[in-house]
C-alpha cells in the first residue's frame, strides 16, 4: 500500500513538473511584441511640422523611427500604421524609451513593455538659432517678423536636404554681412525694407 502511494506521488510530481516545463517552453517561444506609441508633438510650444523625424531609443540605441505626415501628430489610436513601432527584446522590458524629435531630446520617456500601445504626447524645446541679417536690420532678435522667418526655416527649410544645405551656408556666410549692416542705420533701413520685409511677406503665406 505504501509503495502504491509512493508511485502515485512520483507520477503526480512528474505530471506537475511536465506542465511547468511545457508552460515555460511555450512562454519562451512566444514572439516578442513591439511597443507602439502615438500622440501629439509640440516644439517650443507649437505644433510640429510635417516631416518631423521621431527616433525612439533604448540605452542610446535606435529601436524605432517615424516621419510625421500631419501637423502636430504622429498617429492615433485607430490607425496602427501611423504609430511609431519600438522593437525591443526581452531584456529591454522595464527599461526607459527616450525620444529624439528632429535630433532634440524630448521631455517625455516611457517604460518599454511587451506589446503595449499607448498615447504619449511628446514635447521638445529647441534653442532659438539667430537670424543674423534680419536681427541686424531690426536691431533686435525678438521682432515678430524674425519669428516668422524662424518658423519658415524650421517648417520648410529644415525638413528637406536642400533647405538644410541653404541654412548651413547662410549661417556660415551671414555673420560678417550682419556686422556691416548693424553699423550703418541707412544700410539697416534699406535691408529691412528692401529684403527682410519682402521675405517675411512671402514666408507668412506658408506659415500663416
C-alpha atoms as a PDB file:
ATOM      1  CA  UNK A   1       0.000   0.000   0.000  1.00  0.00           C
ATOM      2  CA  UNK A   2       2.838   2.338   0.918  1.00  0.00           C
ATOM      3  CA  UNK A   3       4.604   1.571  -2.361  1.00  0.00           C
ATOM      4  CA  UNK A   4       1.379   2.353  -4.215  1.00  0.00           C
ATOM      5  CA  UNK A   5       1.212   5.797  -2.539  1.00  0.00           C
ATOM      6  CA  UNK A   6       4.839   6.464  -3.439  1.00  0.00           C
ATOM      7  CA  UNK A   7       4.175   5.611  -7.078  1.00  0.00           C
ATOM      8  CA  UNK A   8       1.131   7.910  -7.138  1.00  0.00           C
ATOM      9  CA  UNK A   9       3.213  10.700  -5.587  1.00  0.00           C
ATOM     10  CA  UNK A  10       6.015  10.241  -8.103  1.00  0.00           C
ATOM     11  CA  UNK A  11       3.596  10.187 -11.045  1.00  0.00           C
ATOM     12  CA  UNK A  12       1.776  13.277  -9.749  1.00  0.00           C
ATOM     13  CA  UNK A  13       5.018  15.174  -9.223  1.00  0.00           C
ATOM     14  CA  UNK A  14       6.251  14.221 -12.681  1.00  0.00           C
ATOM     15  CA  UNK A  15       2.944  15.365 -14.182  1.00  0.00           C
ATOM     16  CA  UNK A  16       3.113  18.737 -12.441  1.00  0.00           C
ATOM     17  CA  UNK A  17       6.720  19.253 -13.476  1.00  0.00           C
ATOM     18  CA  UNK A  18       5.858  18.397 -17.084  1.00  0.00           C
ATOM     19  CA  UNK A  19       3.120  21.059 -17.043  1.00  0.00           C
ATOM     20  CA  UNK A  20       5.546  23.654 -15.609  1.00  0.00           C
ATOM     21  CA  UNK A  21       8.163  22.818 -18.230  1.00  0.00           C
ATOM     22  CA  UNK A  22       5.571  22.971 -21.009  1.00  0.00           C
ATOM     23  CA  UNK A  23       4.303  26.385 -19.868  1.00  0.00           C
ATOM     24  CA  UNK A  24       7.869  27.689 -19.615  1.00  0.00           C
ATOM     25  CA  UNK A  25       8.698  26.397 -23.100  1.00  0.00           C
ATOM     26  CA  UNK A  26       5.576  27.988 -24.570  1.00  0.00           C
ATOM     27  CA  UNK A  27       6.324  31.292 -22.834  1.00  0.00           C
ATOM     28  CA  UNK A  28       9.845  31.308 -24.252  1.00  0.00           C
ATOM     29  CA  UNK A  29       8.577  30.547 -27.743  1.00  0.00           C
ATOM     30  CA  UNK A  30       6.081  33.435 -27.763  1.00  0.00           C
ATOM     31  CA  UNK A  31       7.184  36.258 -30.078  1.00  0.00           C
ATOM     32  CA  UNK A  32       8.491  39.477 -28.544  1.00  0.00           C
ATOM     33  CA  UNK A  33       5.881  42.069 -29.473  1.00  0.00           C
ATOM     34  CA  UNK A  34       6.958  45.668 -30.140  1.00  0.00           C
ATOM     35  CA  UNK A  35       5.646  48.610 -28.186  1.00  0.00           C
ATOM     36  CA  UNK A  36       3.700  51.258 -30.095  1.00  0.00           C
ATOM     37  CA  UNK A  37       3.220  54.945 -29.302  1.00  0.00           C
ATOM     38  CA  UNK A  38       1.106  57.696 -30.821  1.00  0.00           C
ATOM     39  CA  UNK A  39       0.061  61.217 -29.869  1.00  0.00           C
ATOM     40  CA  UNK A  40       0.816  64.884 -30.421  1.00  0.00           C
ATOM     41  CA  UNK A  41       4.143  66.668 -30.905  1.00  0.00           C
ATOM     42  CA  UNK A  42       4.909  70.236 -29.928  1.00  0.00           C
ATOM     43  CA  UNK A  43       8.234  72.023 -30.349  1.00  0.00           C
ATOM     44  CA  UNK A  44       8.746  75.230 -28.401  1.00  0.00           C
ATOM     45  CA  UNK A  45       5.021  75.199 -27.687  1.00  0.00           C
ATOM     46  CA  UNK A  46       3.991  74.946 -31.359  1.00  0.00           C
ATOM     47  CA  UNK A  47       2.654  72.020 -33.368  1.00  0.00           C
ATOM     48  CA  UNK A  48       5.440  70.180 -35.154  1.00  0.00           C
ATOM     49  CA  UNK A  49       5.722  70.444 -38.930  1.00  0.00           C
ATOM     50  CA  UNK A  50       5.066  67.717 -41.474  1.00  0.00           C
ATOM     51  CA  UNK A  51       8.271  65.721 -41.959  1.00  0.00           C
ATOM     52  CA  UNK A  52       9.311  65.851 -38.306  1.00  0.00           C
ATOM     53  CA  UNK A  53      11.505  62.834 -37.511  1.00  0.00           C
ATOM     54  CA  UNK A  54      10.937  60.927 -34.265  1.00  0.00           C
ATOM     55  CA  UNK A  55      13.528  58.392 -33.137  1.00  0.00           C
ATOM     56  CA  UNK A  56      12.905  56.045 -30.206  1.00  0.00           C
ATOM     57  CA  UNK A  57      15.966  54.790 -28.328  1.00  0.00           C
ATOM     58  CA  UNK A  58      16.669  52.271 -25.578  1.00  0.00           C
ATOM     59  CA  UNK A  59      20.090  52.569 -23.927  1.00  0.00           C
ATOM     60  CA  UNK A  60      21.090  55.003 -26.668  1.00  0.00           C
ATOM     61  CA  UNK A  61      20.350  52.518 -29.474  1.00  0.00           C
ATOM     62  CA  UNK A  62      17.707  53.351 -32.083  1.00  0.00           C
ATOM     63  CA  UNK A  63      14.729  50.980 -31.827  1.00  0.00           C
ATOM     64  CA  UNK A  64      12.137  52.821 -33.895  1.00  0.00           C
ATOM     65  CA  UNK A  65      11.748  55.739 -36.308  1.00  0.00           C
ATOM     66  CA  UNK A  66       8.760  57.697 -37.582  1.00  0.00           C
ATOM     67  CA  UNK A  67       8.365  60.608 -40.018  1.00  0.00           C
ATOM     68  CA  UNK A  68       5.199  62.651 -39.493  1.00  0.00           C
ATOM     69  CA  UNK A  69       2.699  63.222 -42.283  1.00  0.00           C
ATOM     70  CA  UNK A  70       0.374  65.579 -40.414  1.00  0.00           C
ATOM     71  CA  UNK A  71       0.991  68.742 -38.431  1.00  0.00           C
ATOM     72  CA  UNK A  72       1.417  68.229 -34.703  1.00  0.00           C
ATOM     73  CA  UNK A  73       0.670  64.497 -34.517  1.00  0.00           C
ATOM     74  CA  UNK A  74       2.269  61.113 -35.093  1.00  0.00           C
ATOM     75  CA  UNK A  75      -0.737  58.853 -35.405  1.00  0.00           C
ATOM     76  CA  UNK A  76      -3.796  57.924 -33.413  1.00  0.00           C
ATOM     77  CA  UNK A  77      -5.372  55.010 -31.563  1.00  0.00           C
ATOM     78  CA  UNK A  78      -7.451  53.988 -34.585  1.00  0.00           C
ATOM     79  CA  UNK A  79      -4.631  53.732 -37.129  1.00  0.00           C
ATOM     80  CA  UNK A  80      -1.907  51.200 -36.335  1.00  0.00           C
ATOM     81  CA  UNK A  81       0.048  52.090 -39.484  1.00  0.00           C
ATOM     82  CA  UNK A  82       0.705  55.608 -38.187  1.00  0.00           C
ATOM     83  CA  UNK A  83       2.206  54.697 -34.825  1.00  0.00           C
ATOM     84  CA  UNK A  84       5.894  54.598 -34.010  1.00  0.00           C
ATOM     85  CA  UNK A  85       6.862  50.961 -33.539  1.00  0.00           C
ATOM     86  CA  UNK A  86       9.585  50.313 -30.950  1.00  0.00           C
ATOM     87  CA  UNK A  87      11.314  46.980 -31.402  1.00  0.00           C
ATOM     88  CA  UNK A  88      12.716  45.694 -28.106  1.00  0.00           C
ATOM     89  CA  UNK A  89      13.968  42.429 -26.663  1.00  0.00           C
ATOM     90  CA  UNK A  90      13.028  40.542 -23.529  1.00  0.00           C
ATOM     91  CA  UNK A  91      15.942  42.147 -21.687  1.00  0.00           C
ATOM     92  CA  UNK A  92      14.591  45.610 -22.602  1.00  0.00           C
ATOM     93  CA  UNK A  93      11.356  45.148 -20.657  1.00  0.00           C
ATOM     94  CA  UNK A  94      11.247  47.728 -17.867  1.00  0.00           C
ATOM     95  CA  UNK A  95      13.865  49.995 -19.446  1.00  0.00           C
ATOM     96  CA  UNK A  96      13.276  53.624 -20.419  1.00  0.00           C
ATOM     97  CA  UNK A  97      12.435  54.541 -24.005  1.00  0.00           C
ATOM     98  CA  UNK A  98      13.704  58.020 -24.854  1.00  0.00           C
ATOM     99  CA  UNK A  99      12.718  60.034 -27.917  1.00  0.00           C
ATOM    100  CA  UNK A 100      14.519  62.422 -30.249  1.00  0.00           C
ATOM    101  CA  UNK A 101      12.452  64.957 -32.178  1.00  0.00           C
ATOM    102  CA  UNK A 102      14.471  66.233 -35.143  1.00  0.00           C
ATOM    103  CA  UNK A 103      17.576  65.422 -33.117  1.00  0.00           C
ATOM    104  CA  UNK A 104      16.395  67.183 -29.941  1.00  0.00           C
ATOM    105  CA  UNK A 105      15.739  65.147 -26.789  1.00  0.00           C
ATOM    106  CA  UNK A 106      12.023  65.011 -25.972  1.00  0.00           C
ATOM    107  CA  UNK A 107      10.936  65.869 -22.445  1.00  0.00           C
ATOM    108  CA  UNK A 108       8.957  62.624 -22.120  1.00  0.00           C
ATOM    109  CA  UNK A 109      10.003  58.997 -21.774  1.00  0.00           C
ATOM    110  CA  UNK A 110       8.139  55.753 -21.253  1.00  0.00           C
ATOM    111  CA  UNK A 111       8.886  52.255 -19.926  1.00  0.00           C
ATOM    112  CA  UNK A 112       9.219  49.509 -22.542  1.00  0.00           C
ATOM    113  CA  UNK A 113       6.521  46.846 -22.188  1.00  0.00           C
ATOM    114  CA  UNK A 114       5.895  43.841 -24.436  1.00  0.00           C
ATOM    115  CA  UNK A 115       3.079  44.560 -26.900  1.00  0.00           C
ATOM    116  CA  UNK A 116       1.832  47.737 -25.229  1.00  0.00           C
ATOM    117  CA  UNK A 117       0.182  50.528 -27.252  1.00  0.00           C
ATOM    118  CA  UNK A 118      -0.016  53.888 -25.531  1.00  0.00           C
ATOM    119  CA  UNK A 119      -0.794  57.525 -26.178  1.00  0.00           C
ATOM    120  CA  UNK A 120       2.251  59.674 -25.470  1.00  0.00           C
ATOM    121  CA  UNK A 121       2.224  63.400 -26.210  1.00  0.00           C
ATOM    122  CA  UNK A 122       5.781  64.499 -26.969  1.00  0.00           C
ATOM    123  CA  UNK A 123       7.272  67.939 -26.369  1.00  0.00           C
ATOM    124  CA  UNK A 124      10.710  69.365 -27.059  1.00  0.00           C
ATOM    125  CA  UNK A 125      12.495  72.664 -26.638  1.00  0.00           C
ATOM    126  CA  UNK A 126      14.859  73.815 -29.346  1.00  0.00           C
ATOM    127  CA  UNK A 127      17.326  76.609 -28.790  1.00  0.00           C
ATOM    128  CA  UNK A 128      16.494  79.583 -30.972  1.00  0.00           C
ATOM    129  CA  UNK A 129      19.110  79.988 -33.690  1.00  0.00           C
ATOM    130  CA  UNK A 130      19.855  83.554 -34.712  1.00  0.00           C
ATOM    131  CA  UNK A 131      18.688  85.086 -37.983  1.00  0.00           C
ATOM    132  CA  UNK A 132      21.789  87.238 -38.333  1.00  0.00           C
ATOM    133  CA  UNK A 133      20.848  89.598 -41.180  1.00  0.00           C
ATOM    134  CA  UNK A 134      17.261  90.135 -40.033  1.00  0.00           C
ATOM    135  CA  UNK A 135      18.446  90.704 -36.455  1.00  0.00           C
ATOM    136  CA  UNK A 136      20.958  93.284 -37.663  1.00  0.00           C
ATOM    137  CA  UNK A 137      18.325  95.019 -39.795  1.00  0.00           C
ATOM    138  CA  UNK A 138      15.838  95.310 -36.916  1.00  0.00           C
ATOM    139  CA  UNK A 139      18.377  95.797 -34.162  1.00  0.00           C
ATOM    140  CA  UNK A 140      16.808  93.021 -32.057  1.00  0.00           C
ATOM    141  CA  UNK A 141      16.338  89.222 -32.335  1.00  0.00           C
ATOM    142  CA  UNK A 142      12.867  89.436 -30.779  1.00  0.00           C
ATOM    143  CA  UNK A 143      10.925  91.223 -33.549  1.00  0.00           C
ATOM    144  CA  UNK A 144       7.765  89.451 -34.732  1.00  0.00           C
ATOM    145  CA  UNK A 145       8.997  89.389 -38.341  1.00  0.00           C
ATOM    146  CA  UNK A 146      12.099  87.460 -37.272  1.00  0.00           C
ATOM    147  CA  UNK A 147       9.894  84.852 -35.606  1.00  0.00           C
ATOM    148  CA  UNK A 148       8.088  84.383 -38.932  1.00  0.00           C
ATOM    149  CA  UNK A 149      11.398  83.757 -40.681  1.00  0.00           C
ATOM    150  CA  UNK A 150      12.409  81.261 -37.999  1.00  0.00           C
ATOM    151  CA  UNK A 151       9.103  79.415 -38.396  1.00  0.00           C
ATOM    152  CA  UNK A 152       9.625  79.249 -42.160  1.00  0.00           C
ATOM    153  CA  UNK A 153      13.141  77.912 -41.618  1.00  0.00           C
ATOM    154  CA  UNK A 154      12.008  75.211 -39.166  1.00  0.00           C
ATOM    155  CA  UNK A 155       8.863  74.131 -41.009  1.00  0.00           C
ATOM    156  CA  UNK A 156      10.056  74.255 -44.629  1.00  0.00           C
ATOM    157  CA  UNK A 157      13.827  74.591 -44.956  1.00  0.00           C
ATOM    158  CA  UNK A 158      14.937  72.208 -42.206  1.00  0.00           C
ATOM    159  CA  UNK A 159      12.580  69.450 -43.348  1.00  0.00           C
ATOM    160  CA  UNK A 160      14.455  68.712 -46.588  1.00  0.00           C
ATOM    161  CA  UNK A 161      18.051  68.230 -47.659  1.00  0.00           C
ATOM    162  CA  UNK A 162      18.259  71.242 -49.998  1.00  0.00           C
ATOM    163  CA  UNK A 163      16.801  73.542 -47.365  1.00  0.00           C
ATOM    164  CA  UNK A 164      19.231  72.315 -44.718  1.00  0.00           C
ATOM    165  CA  UNK A 165      22.175  72.992 -47.030  1.00  0.00           C
ATOM    166  CA  UNK A 166      20.863  76.513 -47.666  1.00  0.00           C
ATOM    167  CA  UNK A 167      20.530  77.178 -43.920  1.00  0.00           C
ATOM    168  CA  UNK A 168      24.056  75.878 -43.294  1.00  0.00           C
ATOM    169  CA  UNK A 169      25.518  78.142 -45.999  1.00  0.00           C
ATOM    170  CA  UNK A 170      23.524  81.097 -44.665  1.00  0.00           C
ATOM    171  CA  UNK A 171      24.837  80.625 -41.120  1.00  0.00           C
ATOM    172  CA  UNK A 172      28.381  80.374 -42.465  1.00  0.00           C
ATOM    173  CA  UNK A 173      28.298  83.489 -44.652  1.00  0.00           C
ATOM    174  CA  UNK A 174      25.854  85.878 -42.964  1.00  0.00           C
ATOM    175  CA  UNK A 175      27.623  86.922 -39.698  1.00  0.00           C
ATOM    176  CA  UNK A 176      30.186  89.274 -41.351  1.00  0.00           C
ATOM    177  CA  UNK A 177      27.439  90.715 -43.562  1.00  0.00           C
ATOM    178  CA  UNK A 178      25.261  91.279 -40.496  1.00  0.00           C
ATOM    179  CA  UNK A 179      28.148  93.144 -38.839  1.00  0.00           C
ATOM    180  CA  UNK A 180      28.317  95.592 -41.721  1.00  0.00           C
ATOM    181  CA  UNK A 181      24.530  96.110 -41.706  1.00  0.00           C
ATOM    182  CA  UNK A 182      24.354  96.747 -37.967  1.00  0.00           C
ATOM    183  CA  UNK A 183      26.967  99.536 -38.141  1.00  0.00           C
ATOM    184  CA  UNK A 184      25.045 101.764 -40.567  1.00  0.00           C
ATOM    185  CA  UNK A 185      21.496 102.980 -39.980  1.00  0.00           C
ATOM    186  CA  UNK A 186      20.931 103.712 -43.670  1.00  0.00           C
ATOM    187  CA  UNK A 187      22.007 100.206 -44.665  1.00  0.00           C
ATOM    188  CA  UNK A 188      19.848  98.726 -41.889  1.00  0.00           C
ATOM    189  CA  UNK A 189      16.789 100.552 -43.216  1.00  0.00           C
ATOM    190  CA  UNK A 190      17.485  99.550 -46.814  1.00  0.00           C
ATOM    191  CA  UNK A 191      17.978  95.882 -45.923  1.00  0.00           C
ATOM    192  CA  UNK A 192      14.946  95.855 -43.623  1.00  0.00           C
ATOM    193  CA  UNK A 193      12.583  97.422 -46.183  1.00  0.00           C
ATOM    194  CA  UNK A 194      14.064  96.055 -49.371  1.00  0.00           C
ATOM    195  CA  UNK A 195      14.982  92.499 -48.345  1.00  0.00           C
ATOM    196  CA  UNK A 196      13.715  91.328 -44.979  1.00  0.00           C
ATOM    197  CA  UNK A 197      10.134  92.601 -45.156  1.00  0.00           C
ATOM    198  CA  UNK A 198       9.500  91.094 -48.630  1.00  0.00           C
ATOM    199  CA  UNK A 199      10.879  87.767 -47.359  1.00  0.00           C
ATOM    200  CA  UNK A 200       8.622  87.979 -44.305  1.00  0.00           C
ATOM    201  CA  UNK A 201       5.622  88.686 -46.529  1.00  0.00           C
ATOM    202  CA  UNK A 202       6.352  85.607 -48.645  1.00  0.00           C
ATOM    203  CA  UNK A 203       7.040  83.455 -45.562  1.00  0.00           C
ATOM    204  CA  UNK A 204       3.708  84.413 -43.993  1.00  0.00           C
ATOM    205  CA  UNK A 205       1.918  82.832 -46.955  1.00  0.00           C
ATOM    206  CA  UNK A 206       3.431  79.497 -45.920  1.00  0.00           C
ATOM    207  CA  UNK A 207       3.462  79.663 -42.131  1.00  0.00           C
ATOM    208  CA  UNK A 208       0.296  81.724 -41.634  1.00  0.00           C
END
